[in-house]
PDB file of all heavy atoms in Angstrom:
ATOM      1  N   GLY A   1       0.790  -1.214   0.000  1.00  0.00           N
ATOM      2  CA  GLY A   1       0.000   0.000   0.000  1.00  0.00           C
ATOM      3  C   GLY A   1       0.825   1.267   0.000  1.00  0.00           C
ATOM      4  O   GLY A   1       0.272   2.356  -0.205  1.00  0.00           O
ATOM      5  N   GLY A   2       2.124   1.143   0.204  1.00  0.00           N
ATOM      6  CA  GLY A   2       2.998   2.298   0.226  1.00  0.00           C
ATOM      7  C   GLY A   2       3.418   2.744  -1.160  1.00  0.00           C
ATOM      8  O   GLY A   2       2.990   2.196  -2.178  1.00  0.00           O
ATOM      9  N   SER A   3       4.296   3.751  -1.188  1.00  0.00           N
ATOM     10  CA  SER A   3       4.741   4.350  -2.438  1.00  0.00           C
ATOM     11  C   SER A   3       6.252   4.494  -2.475  1.00  0.00           C
ATOM     12  O   SER A   3       6.908   4.637  -1.439  1.00  0.00           O
ATOM     13  CB  SER A   3       4.113   5.740  -2.626  1.00  0.00           C
ATOM     14  OG  SER A   3       2.705   5.673  -2.709  1.00  0.00           O
ATOM     15  N   LEU A   4       6.797   4.450  -3.675  1.00  0.00           N
ATOM     16  CA  LEU A   4       8.199   4.736  -3.933  1.00  0.00           C
ATOM     17  C   LEU A   4       8.304   5.468  -5.258  1.00  0.00           C
ATOM     18  O   LEU A   4       7.463   5.287  -6.143  1.00  0.00           O
ATOM     19  CB  LEU A   4       9.037   3.460  -4.017  1.00  0.00           C
ATOM     20  CG  LEU A   4       9.434   2.740  -2.731  1.00  0.00           C
ATOM     21  CD1 LEU A   4      10.144   1.436  -3.087  1.00  0.00           C
ATOM     22  CD2 LEU A   4      10.329   3.617  -1.873  1.00  0.00           C
ATOM     23  N   ARG A   5       9.353   6.277  -5.387  1.00  0.00           N
ATOM     24  CA  ARG A   5       9.656   6.900  -6.664  1.00  0.00           C
ATOM     25  C   ARG A   5      11.065   6.516  -7.078  1.00  0.00           C
ATOM     26  O   ARG A   5      12.025   6.778  -6.351  1.00  0.00           O
ATOM     27  CB  ARG A   5       9.528   8.421  -6.593  1.00  0.00           C
ATOM     28  CG  ARG A   5       9.882   9.108  -7.912  1.00  0.00           C
ATOM     29  CD  ARG A   5       9.642  10.609  -7.873  1.00  0.00           C
ATOM     30  NE  ARG A   5       8.222  10.919  -7.843  1.00  0.00           N
ATOM     31  CZ  ARG A   5       7.736  12.152  -7.941  1.00  0.00           C
ATOM     32  NH1 ARG A   5       8.553  13.189  -8.075  1.00  0.00           N
ATOM     33  NH2 ARG A   5       6.422  12.349  -7.894  1.00  0.00           N
ATOM     34  N   LEU A   6      11.178   5.904  -8.252  1.00  0.00           N
ATOM     35  CA  LEU A   6      12.459   5.551  -8.822  1.00  0.00           C
ATOM     36  C   LEU A   6      12.894   6.632  -9.804  1.00  0.00           C
ATOM     37  O   LEU A   6      12.064   7.246 -10.470  1.00  0.00           O
ATOM     38  CB  LEU A   6      12.393   4.210  -9.552  1.00  0.00           C
ATOM     39  CG  LEU A   6      11.842   3.020  -8.764  1.00  0.00           C
ATOM     40  CD1 LEU A   6      11.892   1.763  -9.629  1.00  0.00           C
ATOM     41  CD2 LEU A   6      12.613   2.823  -7.471  1.00  0.00           C
ATOM     42  N   SER A   7      14.196   6.835  -9.905  1.00  0.00           N
ATOM     43  CA  SER A   7      14.732   7.821 -10.820  1.00  0.00           C
ATOM     44  C   SER A   7      15.908   7.229 -11.575  1.00  0.00           C
ATOM     45  O   SER A   7      16.636   6.388 -11.050  1.00  0.00           O
ATOM     46  CB  SER A   7      15.175   9.075 -10.059  1.00  0.00           C
ATOM     47  OG  SER A   7      15.656  10.072 -10.947  1.00  0.00           O
ATOM     48  N   CYS A   8      16.093   7.672 -12.805  1.00  0.00           N
ATOM     49  CA  CYS A   8      17.184   7.201 -13.650  1.00  0.00           C
ATOM     50  C   CYS A   8      17.754   8.389 -14.407  1.00  0.00           C
ATOM     51  O   CYS A   8      17.006   9.162 -15.013  1.00  0.00           O
ATOM     52  CB  CYS A   8      16.681   6.139 -14.628  1.00  0.00           C
ATOM     53  SG  CYS A   8      17.866   5.652 -15.910  1.00  0.00           S
ATOM     54  N   THR A   9      19.073   8.516 -14.390  1.00  0.00           N
ATOM     55  CA  THR A   9      19.753   9.592 -15.096  1.00  0.00           C
ATOM     56  C   THR A   9      20.730   9.015 -16.110  1.00  0.00           C
ATOM     57  O   THR A   9      21.537   8.147 -15.765  1.00  0.00           O
ATOM     58  CB  THR A   9      20.504  10.506 -14.121  1.00  0.00           C
ATOM     59  OG1 THR A   9      19.576  11.098 -13.210  1.00  0.00           O
ATOM     60  CG2 THR A   9      21.218  11.618 -14.874  1.00  0.00           C
ATOM     61  N   ALA A  10      20.657   9.494 -17.341  1.00  0.00           N
ATOM     62  CA  ALA A  10      21.583   9.096 -18.394  1.00  0.00           C
ATOM     63  C   ALA A  10      22.704  10.121 -18.503  1.00  0.00           C
ATOM     64  O   ALA A  10      22.468  11.329 -18.420  1.00  0.00           O
ATOM     65  CB  ALA A  10      20.865   8.979 -19.732  1.00  0.00           C
ATOM     66  N   SER A  11      23.915   9.639 -18.693  1.00  0.00           N
ATOM     67  CA  SER A  11      25.061  10.527 -18.831  1.00  0.00           C
ATOM     68  C   SER A  11      26.030   9.958 -19.855  1.00  0.00           C
ATOM     69  O   SER A  11      25.943   8.789 -20.224  1.00  0.00           O
ATOM     70  CB  SER A  11      25.765  10.742 -17.487  1.00  0.00           C
ATOM     71  OG  SER A  11      26.277   9.521 -16.984  1.00  0.00           O
ATOM     72  N   GLY A  12      26.974  10.790 -20.295  1.00  0.00           N
ATOM     73  CA  GLY A  12      27.944  10.383 -21.293  1.00  0.00           C
ATOM     74  C   GLY A  12      27.747  11.151 -22.590  1.00  0.00           C
ATOM     75  O   GLY A  12      27.227  12.264 -22.593  1.00  0.00           O
ATOM     76  N   ILE A  13      28.178  10.547 -23.689  1.00  0.00           N
ATOM     77  CA  ILE A  13      28.034  11.173 -24.995  1.00  0.00           C
ATOM     78  C   ILE A  13      26.636  10.877 -25.518  1.00  0.00           C
ATOM     79  O   ILE A  13      26.367   9.778 -26.008  1.00  0.00           O
ATOM     80  CB  ILE A  13      29.104  10.681 -25.979  1.00  0.00           C
ATOM     81  CG1 ILE A  13      30.505  10.866 -25.383  1.00  0.00           C
ATOM     82  CG2 ILE A  13      28.976  11.414 -27.307  1.00  0.00           C
ATOM     83  CD1 ILE A  13      30.828  12.302 -25.044  1.00  0.00           C
ATOM     84  N   ILE A  14      25.745  11.859 -25.418  1.00  0.00           N
ATOM     85  CA  ILE A  14      24.341  11.687 -25.774  1.00  0.00           C
ATOM     86  C   ILE A  14      23.916  12.799 -26.723  1.00  0.00           C
ATOM     87  O   ILE A  14      24.030  13.974 -26.389  1.00  0.00           O
ATOM     88  CB  ILE A  14      23.446  11.696 -24.524  1.00  0.00           C
ATOM     89  CG1 ILE A  14      23.802  10.535 -23.601  1.00  0.00           C
ATOM     90  CG2 ILE A  14      21.981  11.640 -24.937  1.00  0.00           C
ATOM     91  CD1 ILE A  14      23.082  10.560 -22.281  1.00  0.00           C
ATOM     92  N   SER A  15      23.425  12.398 -27.885  1.00  0.00           N
ATOM     93  CA  SER A  15      22.827  13.355 -28.805  1.00  0.00           C
ATOM     94  C   SER A  15      21.336  13.507 -28.535  1.00  0.00           C
ATOM     95  O   SER A  15      20.823  14.625 -28.456  1.00  0.00           O
ATOM     96  CB  SER A  15      23.065  12.929 -30.254  1.00  0.00           C
ATOM     97  OG  SER A  15      22.454  13.836 -31.157  1.00  0.00           O
ATOM     98  N   SER A  16      20.633  12.385 -28.389  1.00  0.00           N
ATOM     99  CA  SER A  16      19.212  12.410 -28.071  1.00  0.00           C
ATOM    100  C   SER A  16      18.805  11.061 -27.509  1.00  0.00           C
ATOM    101  O   SER A  16      19.474  10.059 -27.728  1.00  0.00           O
ATOM    102  CB  SER A  16      18.367  12.750 -29.302  1.00  0.00           C
ATOM    103  OG  SER A  16      18.495  11.751 -30.297  1.00  0.00           O
ATOM    104  N   ILE A  17      17.695  11.055 -26.780  1.00  0.00           N
ATOM    105  CA  ILE A  17      17.131   9.832 -26.218  1.00  0.00           C
ATOM    106  C   ILE A  17      15.714   9.667 -26.753  1.00  0.00           C
ATOM    107  O   ILE A  17      14.883  10.566 -26.604  1.00  0.00           O
ATOM    108  CB  ILE A  17      17.114   9.865 -24.683  1.00  0.00           C
ATOM    109  CG1 ILE A  17      18.521  10.130 -24.135  1.00  0.00           C
ATOM    110  CG2 ILE A  17      16.549   8.574 -24.130  1.00  0.00           C
ATOM    111  CD1 ILE A  17      18.583  10.243 -22.628  1.00  0.00           C
ATOM    112  N   ASP A  18      15.460   8.525 -27.356  1.00  0.00           N
ATOM    113  CA  ASP A  18      14.130   8.264 -27.894  1.00  0.00           C
ATOM    114  C   ASP A  18      13.258   7.647 -26.798  1.00  0.00           C
ATOM    115  O   ASP A  18      12.952   8.313 -25.821  1.00  0.00           O
ATOM    116  CB  ASP A  18      14.232   7.384 -29.135  1.00  0.00           C
ATOM    117  CG  ASP A  18      15.002   8.071 -30.267  1.00  0.00           C
ATOM    118  OD1 ASP A  18      14.921   9.314 -30.373  1.00  0.00           O
ATOM    119  OD2 ASP A  18      15.685   7.374 -31.040  1.00  0.00           O
ATOM    120  N   VAL A  19      12.871   6.390 -26.952  1.00  0.00           N
ATOM    121  CA  VAL A  19      12.038   5.751 -25.938  1.00  0.00           C
ATOM    122  C   VAL A  19      12.849   5.464 -24.677  1.00  0.00           C
ATOM    123  O   VAL A  19      14.000   5.024 -24.754  1.00  0.00           O
ATOM    124  CB  VAL A  19      11.423   4.446 -26.482  1.00  0.00           C
ATOM    125  CG1 VAL A  19      10.645   3.723 -25.390  1.00  0.00           C
ATOM    126  CG2 VAL A  19      10.515   4.737 -27.660  1.00  0.00           C
ATOM    127  N   MET A  20      12.255   5.723 -23.518  1.00  0.00           N
ATOM    128  CA  MET A  20      12.816   5.311 -22.234  1.00  0.00           C
ATOM    129  C   MET A  20      11.799   4.403 -21.552  1.00  0.00           C
ATOM    130  O   MET A  20      10.589   4.538 -21.770  1.00  0.00           O
ATOM    131  CB  MET A  20      13.144   6.508 -21.349  1.00  0.00           C
ATOM    132  CG  MET A  20      14.120   7.482 -21.975  1.00  0.00           C
ATOM    133  SD  MET A  20      14.710   8.757 -20.820  1.00  0.00           S
ATOM    134  CE  MET A  20      15.935   7.806 -19.892  1.00  0.00           C
ATOM    135  N   ALA A  21      12.285   3.486 -20.735  1.00  0.00           N
ATOM    136  CA  ALA A  21      11.392   2.506 -20.138  1.00  0.00           C
ATOM    137  C   ALA A  21      11.933   2.008 -18.814  1.00  0.00           C
ATOM    138  O   ALA A  21      13.122   2.129 -18.522  1.00  0.00           O
ATOM    139  CB  ALA A  21      11.184   1.324 -21.089  1.00  0.00           C
ATOM    140  N   TRP A  22      11.027   1.448 -18.022  1.00  0.00           N
ATOM    141  CA  TRP A  22      11.367   0.720 -16.811  1.00  0.00           C
ATOM    142  C   TRP A  22      10.989  -0.744 -16.985  1.00  0.00           C
ATOM    143  O   TRP A  22       9.875  -1.053 -17.434  1.00  0.00           O
ATOM    144  CB  TRP A  22      10.653   1.295 -15.584  1.00  0.00           C
ATOM    145  CG  TRP A  22      11.208   2.600 -15.131  1.00  0.00           C
ATOM    146  CD1 TRP A  22      10.761   3.834 -15.450  1.00  0.00           C
ATOM    147  CD2 TRP A  22      12.324   2.784 -14.257  1.00  0.00           C
ATOM    148  NE1 TRP A  22      11.523   4.794 -14.839  1.00  0.00           N
ATOM    149  CE2 TRP A  22      12.493   4.183 -14.099  1.00  0.00           C
ATOM    150  CE3 TRP A  22      13.194   1.925 -13.597  1.00  0.00           C
ATOM    151  CZ2 TRP A  22      13.501   4.720 -13.305  1.00  0.00           C
ATOM    152  CZ3 TRP A  22      14.200   2.463 -12.809  1.00  0.00           C
ATOM    153  CH2 TRP A  22      14.340   3.836 -12.675  1.00  0.00           C
ATOM    154  N   TYR A  23      11.911  -1.623 -16.628  1.00  0.00           N
ATOM    155  CA  TYR A  23      11.691  -3.051 -16.602  1.00  0.00           C
ATOM    156  C   TYR A  23      11.882  -3.551 -15.177  1.00  0.00           C
ATOM    157  O   TYR A  23      12.461  -2.861 -14.336  1.00  0.00           O
ATOM    158  CB  TYR A  23      12.674  -3.775 -17.524  1.00  0.00           C
ATOM    159  CG  TYR A  23      12.425  -3.576 -19.002  1.00  0.00           C
ATOM    160  CD1 TYR A  23      12.718  -2.371 -19.621  1.00  0.00           C
ATOM    161  CD2 TYR A  23      11.909  -4.615 -19.780  1.00  0.00           C
ATOM    162  CE1 TYR A  23      12.496  -2.190 -20.981  1.00  0.00           C
ATOM    163  CE2 TYR A  23      11.692  -4.446 -21.137  1.00  0.00           C
ATOM    164  CZ  TYR A  23      11.986  -3.232 -21.728  1.00  0.00           C
ATOM    165  OH  TYR A  23      11.775  -3.066 -23.072  1.00  0.00           O
ATOM    166  N   ARG A  24      11.414  -4.763 -14.913  1.00  0.00           N
ATOM    167  CA  ARG A  24      11.652  -5.366 -13.605  1.00  0.00           C
ATOM    168  C   ARG A  24      11.822  -6.870 -13.758  1.00  0.00           C
ATOM    169  O   ARG A  24      11.325  -7.474 -14.700  1.00  0.00           O
ATOM    170  CB  ARG A  24      10.523  -5.057 -12.618  1.00  0.00           C
ATOM    171  CG  ARG A  24       9.196  -5.718 -12.950  1.00  0.00           C
ATOM    172  CD  ARG A  24       8.126  -5.253 -11.980  1.00  0.00           C
ATOM    173  NE  ARG A  24       6.837  -5.881 -12.238  1.00  0.00           N
ATOM    174  CZ  ARG A  24       5.709  -5.545 -11.624  1.00  0.00           C
ATOM    175  NH1 ARG A  24       5.712  -4.576 -10.705  1.00  0.00           N
ATOM    176  NH2 ARG A  24       4.572  -6.181 -11.921  1.00  0.00           N
ATOM    177  N   GLN A  25      12.535  -7.451 -12.801  1.00  0.00           N
ATOM    178  CA  GLN A  25      12.730  -8.892 -12.765  1.00  0.00           C
ATOM    179  C   GLN A  25      12.540  -9.371 -11.333  1.00  0.00           C
ATOM    180  O   GLN A  25      13.360  -9.073 -10.459  1.00  0.00           O
ATOM    181  CB  GLN A  25      14.114  -9.279 -13.282  1.00  0.00           C
ATOM    182  CG  GLN A  25      14.315 -10.777 -13.407  1.00  0.00           C
ATOM    183  CD  GLN A  25      15.567 -11.132 -14.183  1.00  0.00           C
ATOM    184  OE1 GLN A  25      16.440 -10.290 -14.389  1.00  0.00           O
ATOM    185  NE2 GLN A  25      15.653 -12.365 -14.629  1.00  0.00           N
ATOM    186  N   GLY A  26      11.448 -10.082 -11.089  1.00  0.00           N
ATOM    187  CA  GLY A  26      11.172 -10.637  -9.778  1.00  0.00           C
ATOM    188  C   GLY A  26      11.885 -11.956  -9.572  1.00  0.00           C
ATOM    189  O   GLY A  26      12.439 -12.537 -10.510  1.00  0.00           O
ATOM    190  N   PRO A  27      11.877 -12.467  -8.327  1.00  0.00           N
ATOM    191  CA  PRO A  27      12.550 -13.735  -8.023  1.00  0.00           C
ATOM    192  C   PRO A  27      12.009 -14.874  -8.886  1.00  0.00           C
ATOM    193  O   PRO A  27      10.802 -15.126  -8.913  1.00  0.00           O
ATOM    194  CB  PRO A  27      12.232 -13.959  -6.548  1.00  0.00           C
ATOM    195  CG  PRO A  27      11.926 -12.588  -6.012  1.00  0.00           C
ATOM    196  CD  PRO A  27      11.253 -11.880  -7.139  1.00  0.00           C
ATOM    197  N   GLY A  28      12.890 -15.551  -9.590  1.00  0.00           N
ATOM    198  CA  GLY A  28      12.498 -16.681 -10.415  1.00  0.00           C
ATOM    199  C   GLY A  28      11.695 -16.325 -11.651  1.00  0.00           C
ATOM    200  O   GLY A  28      11.097 -17.211 -12.258  1.00  0.00           O
ATOM    201  N   LYS A  29      11.676 -15.057 -12.029  1.00  0.00           N
ATOM    202  CA  LYS A  29      10.890 -14.620 -13.174  1.00  0.00           C
ATOM    203  C   LYS A  29      11.769 -13.984 -14.239  1.00  0.00           C
ATOM    204  O   LYS A  29      12.899 -13.587 -13.975  1.00  0.00           O
ATOM    205  CB  LYS A  29       9.813 -13.623 -12.738  1.00  0.00           C
ATOM    206  CG  LYS A  29       8.790 -14.177 -11.771  1.00  0.00           C
ATOM    207  CD  LYS A  29       7.742 -13.138 -11.426  1.00  0.00           C
ATOM    208  CE  LYS A  29       6.690 -13.704 -10.492  1.00  0.00           C
ATOM    209  NZ  LYS A  29       5.657 -12.686 -10.157  1.00  0.00           N
ATOM    210  N   GLU A  30      11.220 -13.892 -15.445  1.00  0.00           N
ATOM    211  CA  GLU A  30      11.908 -13.208 -16.527  1.00  0.00           C
ATOM    212  C   GLU A  30      11.731 -11.700 -16.397  1.00  0.00           C
ATOM    213  O   GLU A  30      10.771 -11.216 -15.788  1.00  0.00           O
ATOM    214  CB  GLU A  30      11.372 -13.682 -17.875  1.00  0.00           C
ATOM    215  CG  GLU A  30      11.624 -15.150 -18.173  1.00  0.00           C
ATOM    216  CD  GLU A  30      13.089 -15.452 -18.328  1.00  0.00           C
ATOM    217  OE1 GLU A  30      13.810 -14.637 -18.949  1.00  0.00           O
ATOM    218  OE2 GLU A  30      13.530 -16.495 -17.828  1.00  0.00           O
ATOM    219  N   ARG A  31      12.657 -10.962 -16.978  1.00  0.00           N
ATOM    220  CA  ARG A  31      12.534  -9.520 -16.994  1.00  0.00           C
ATOM    221  C   ARG A  31      11.339  -9.109 -17.850  1.00  0.00           C
ATOM    222  O   ARG A  31      11.129  -9.633 -18.942  1.00  0.00           O
ATOM    223  CB  ARG A  31      13.821  -8.888 -17.534  1.00  0.00           C
ATOM    224  CG  ARG A  31      13.871  -7.378 -17.400  1.00  0.00           C
ATOM    225  CD  ARG A  31      15.229  -6.831 -17.801  1.00  0.00           C
ATOM    226  NE  ARG A  31      16.289  -7.352 -16.952  1.00  0.00           N
ATOM    227  CZ  ARG A  31      17.555  -6.941 -17.002  1.00  0.00           C
ATOM    228  NH1 ARG A  31      17.909  -5.993 -17.859  1.00  0.00           N
ATOM    229  NH2 ARG A  31      18.456  -7.481 -16.199  1.00  0.00           N
ATOM    230  N   GLU A  32      10.543  -8.159 -17.346  1.00  0.00           N
ATOM    231  CA  GLU A  32       9.358  -7.709 -18.051  1.00  0.00           C
ATOM    232  C   GLU A  32       9.304  -6.190 -18.103  1.00  0.00           C
ATOM    233  O   GLU A  32       9.807  -5.501 -17.212  1.00  0.00           O
ATOM    234  CB  GLU A  32       8.087  -8.242 -17.382  1.00  0.00           C
ATOM    235  CG  GLU A  32       7.868  -7.713 -15.981  1.00  0.00           C
ATOM    236  CD  GLU A  32       6.541  -8.136 -15.375  1.00  0.00           C
ATOM    237  OE1 GLU A  32       5.671  -8.626 -16.113  1.00  0.00           O
ATOM    238  OE2 GLU A  32       6.375  -7.975 -14.146  1.00  0.00           O
ATOM    239  N   MET A  33       8.671  -5.671 -19.142  1.00  0.00           N
ATOM    240  CA  MET A  33       8.485  -4.237 -19.270  1.00  0.00           C
ATOM    241  C   MET A  33       7.383  -3.778 -18.325  1.00  0.00           C
ATOM    242  O   MET A  33       6.302  -4.375 -18.288  1.00  0.00           O
ATOM    243  CB  MET A  33       8.138  -3.871 -20.712  1.00  0.00           C
ATOM    244  CG  MET A  33       8.200  -2.379 -21.018  1.00  0.00           C
ATOM    245  SD  MET A  33       6.681  -1.490 -20.574  1.00  0.00           S
ATOM    246  CE  MET A  33       5.533  -2.161 -21.774  1.00  0.00           C
ATOM    247  N   VAL A  34       7.650  -2.723 -17.576  1.00  0.00           N
ATOM    248  CA  VAL A  34       6.686  -2.157 -16.647  1.00  0.00           C
ATOM    249  C   VAL A  34       5.999  -0.941 -17.254  1.00  0.00           C
ATOM    250  O   VAL A  34       4.772  -0.819 -17.217  1.00  0.00           O
ATOM    251  CB  VAL A  34       7.360  -1.771 -15.318  1.00  0.00           C
ATOM    252  CG1 VAL A  34       6.359  -1.111 -14.377  1.00  0.00           C
ATOM    253  CG2 VAL A  34       7.985  -3.001 -14.666  1.00  0.00           C
ATOM    254  N   ALA A  35       6.787  -0.026 -17.780  1.00  0.00           N
ATOM    255  CA  ALA A  35       6.256   1.202 -18.353  1.00  0.00           C
ATOM    256  C   ALA A  35       7.266   1.773 -19.325  1.00  0.00           C
ATOM    257  O   ALA A  35       8.472   1.603 -19.142  1.00  0.00           O
ATOM    258  CB  ALA A  35       5.940   2.236 -17.265  1.00  0.00           C
ATOM    259  N   GLN A  36       6.784   2.453 -20.353  1.00  0.00           N
ATOM    260  CA  GLN A  36       7.675   3.111 -21.280  1.00  0.00           C
ATOM    261  C   GLN A  36       7.088   4.449 -21.689  1.00  0.00           C
ATOM    262  O   GLN A  36       5.874   4.660 -21.636  1.00  0.00           O
ATOM    263  CB  GLN A  36       7.965   2.247 -22.510  1.00  0.00           C
ATOM    264  CG  GLN A  36       6.761   1.919 -23.363  1.00  0.00           C
ATOM    265  CD  GLN A  36       7.115   1.013 -24.525  1.00  0.00           C
ATOM    266  OE1 GLN A  36       7.968   0.126 -24.402  1.00  0.00           O
ATOM    267  NE2 GLN A  36       6.463   1.223 -25.657  1.00  0.00           N
ATOM    268  N   ILE A  37       7.968   5.348 -22.106  1.00  0.00           N
ATOM    269  CA  ILE A  37       7.543   6.690 -22.478  1.00  0.00           C
ATOM    270  C   ILE A  37       8.349   7.149 -23.686  1.00  0.00           C
ATOM    271  O   ILE A  37       9.575   7.057 -23.704  1.00  0.00           O
ATOM    272  CB  ILE A  37       7.683   7.669 -21.294  1.00  0.00           C
ATOM    273  CG1 ILE A  37       7.197   9.065 -21.686  1.00  0.00           C
ATOM    274  CG2 ILE A  37       9.103   7.691 -20.743  1.00  0.00           C
ATOM    275  CD1 ILE A  37       7.024   9.990 -20.480  1.00  0.00           C
ATOM    276  N   GLN A  38       7.653   7.630 -24.705  1.00  0.00           N
ATOM    277  CA  GLN A  38       8.295   8.150 -25.888  1.00  0.00           C
ATOM    278  C   GLN A  38       8.787   9.569 -25.638  1.00  0.00           C
ATOM    279  O   GLN A  38       8.439  10.200 -24.633  1.00  0.00           O
ATOM    280  CB  GLN A  38       7.338   8.100 -27.082  1.00  0.00           C
ATOM    281  CG  GLN A  38       6.899   6.683 -27.437  1.00  0.00           C
ATOM    282  CD  GLN A  38       5.906   6.638 -28.576  1.00  0.00           C
ATOM    283  OE1 GLN A  38       5.698   7.622 -29.280  1.00  0.00           O
ATOM    284  NE2 GLN A  38       5.295   5.480 -28.769  1.00  0.00           N
ATOM    285  N   ARG A  39       9.582  10.079 -26.564  1.00  0.00           N
ATOM    286  CA  ARG A  39      10.236  11.362 -26.365  1.00  0.00           C
ATOM    287  C   ARG A  39       9.247  12.492 -26.106  1.00  0.00           C
ATOM    288  O   ARG A  39       9.504  13.366 -25.264  1.00  0.00           O
ATOM    289  CB  ARG A  39      11.111  11.701 -27.573  1.00  0.00           C
ATOM    290  CG  ARG A  39      11.835  13.018 -27.433  1.00  0.00           C
ATOM    291  CD  ARG A  39      12.859  13.223 -28.528  1.00  0.00           C
ATOM    292  NE  ARG A  39      13.510  14.517 -28.375  1.00  0.00           N
ATOM    293  CZ  ARG A  39      14.492  14.765 -27.527  1.00  0.00           C
ATOM    294  NH1 ARG A  39      14.960  13.796 -26.745  1.00  0.00           N
ATOM    295  NH2 ARG A  39      15.026  15.974 -27.451  1.00  0.00           N
ATOM    296  N   LEU A  40       8.109  12.463 -26.793  1.00  0.00           N
ATOM    297  CA  LEU A  40       7.132  13.535 -26.644  1.00  0.00           C
ATOM    298  C   LEU A  40       6.066  13.233 -25.597  1.00  0.00           C
ATOM    299  O   LEU A  40       5.115  14.002 -25.453  1.00  0.00           O
ATOM    300  CB  LEU A  40       6.482  13.852 -27.993  1.00  0.00           C
ATOM    301  CG  LEU A  40       7.439  14.389 -29.055  1.00  0.00           C
ATOM    302  CD1 LEU A  40       6.685  14.704 -30.336  1.00  0.00           C
ATOM    303  CD2 LEU A  40       8.174  15.624 -28.551  1.00  0.00           C
ATOM    304  N   GLY A  41       6.202  12.115 -24.874  1.00  0.00           N
ATOM    305  CA  GLY A  41       5.368  11.887 -23.721  1.00  0.00           C
ATOM    306  C   GLY A  41       4.343  10.773 -23.800  1.00  0.00           C
ATOM    307  O   GLY A  41       3.683  10.497 -22.790  1.00  0.00           O
ATOM    308  N   MET A  42       4.164  10.132 -24.942  1.00  0.00           N
ATOM    309  CA  MET A  42       3.214   9.023 -25.031  1.00  0.00           C
ATOM    310  C   MET A  42       3.698   7.869 -24.164  1.00  0.00           C
ATOM    311  O   MET A  42       4.858   7.477 -24.228  1.00  0.00           O
ATOM    312  CB  MET A  42       3.055   8.566 -26.472  1.00  0.00           C
ATOM    313  CG  MET A  42       2.029   7.458 -26.660  1.00  0.00           C
ATOM    314  SD  MET A  42       0.334   8.019 -26.369  1.00  0.00           S
ATOM    315  CE  MET A  42       0.077   9.034 -27.818  1.00  0.00           C
ATOM    316  N   THR A  43       2.790   7.314 -23.345  1.00  0.00           N
ATOM    317  CA  THR A  43       3.159   6.287 -22.379  1.00  0.00           C
ATOM    318  C   THR A  43       2.437   4.978 -22.626  1.00  0.00           C
ATOM    319  O   THR A  43       1.339   4.945 -23.185  1.00  0.00           O
ATOM    320  CB  THR A  43       2.859   6.744 -20.947  1.00  0.00           C
ATOM    321  OG1 THR A  43       1.470   7.063 -20.830  1.00  0.00           O
ATOM    322  CG2 THR A  43       3.684   7.971 -20.588  1.00  0.00           C
ATOM    323  N   THR A  44       3.062   3.893 -22.173  1.00  0.00           N
ATOM    324  CA  THR A  44       2.500   2.555 -22.216  1.00  0.00           C
ATOM    325  C   THR A  44       2.816   1.866 -20.899  1.00  0.00           C
ATOM    326  O   THR A  44       3.928   1.986 -20.386  1.00  0.00           O
ATOM    327  CB  THR A  44       3.077   1.731 -23.382  1.00  0.00           C
ATOM    328  OG1 THR A  44       2.845   2.416 -24.618  1.00  0.00           O
ATOM    329  CG2 THR A  44       2.427   0.354 -23.440  1.00  0.00           C
ATOM    330  N   TYR A  45       1.838   1.129 -20.343  1.00  0.00           N
ATOM    331  CA  TYR A  45       2.010   0.456 -19.069  1.00  0.00           C
ATOM    332  C   TYR A  45       1.624  -1.009 -19.175  1.00  0.00           C
ATOM    333  O   TYR A  45       0.717  -1.383 -19.919  1.00  0.00           O
ATOM    334  CB  TYR A  45       1.146   1.093 -17.983  1.00  0.00           C
ATOM    335  CG  TYR A  45       1.499   2.521 -17.669  1.00  0.00           C
ATOM    336  CD1 TYR A  45       0.863   3.574 -18.320  1.00  0.00           C
ATOM    337  CD2 TYR A  45       2.470   2.817 -16.718  1.00  0.00           C
ATOM    338  CE1 TYR A  45       1.193   4.885 -18.034  1.00  0.00           C
ATOM    339  CE2 TYR A  45       2.797   4.124 -16.435  1.00  0.00           C
ATOM    340  CZ  TYR A  45       2.162   5.154 -17.086  1.00  0.00           C
ATOM    341  OH  TYR A  45       2.492   6.457 -16.796  1.00  0.00           O
TER     342      TYR A  45
END
């Protein structure tokens, strides 16, 4: 029932970033897509 906020920062030689996403991998499970966001803000969950 609680909340958390995760953050991710990209650094290095970067011209532009297109799609960004969060994935997760639980115990004994495969990695899965949680959420993604396109450059102009369109999201998928």
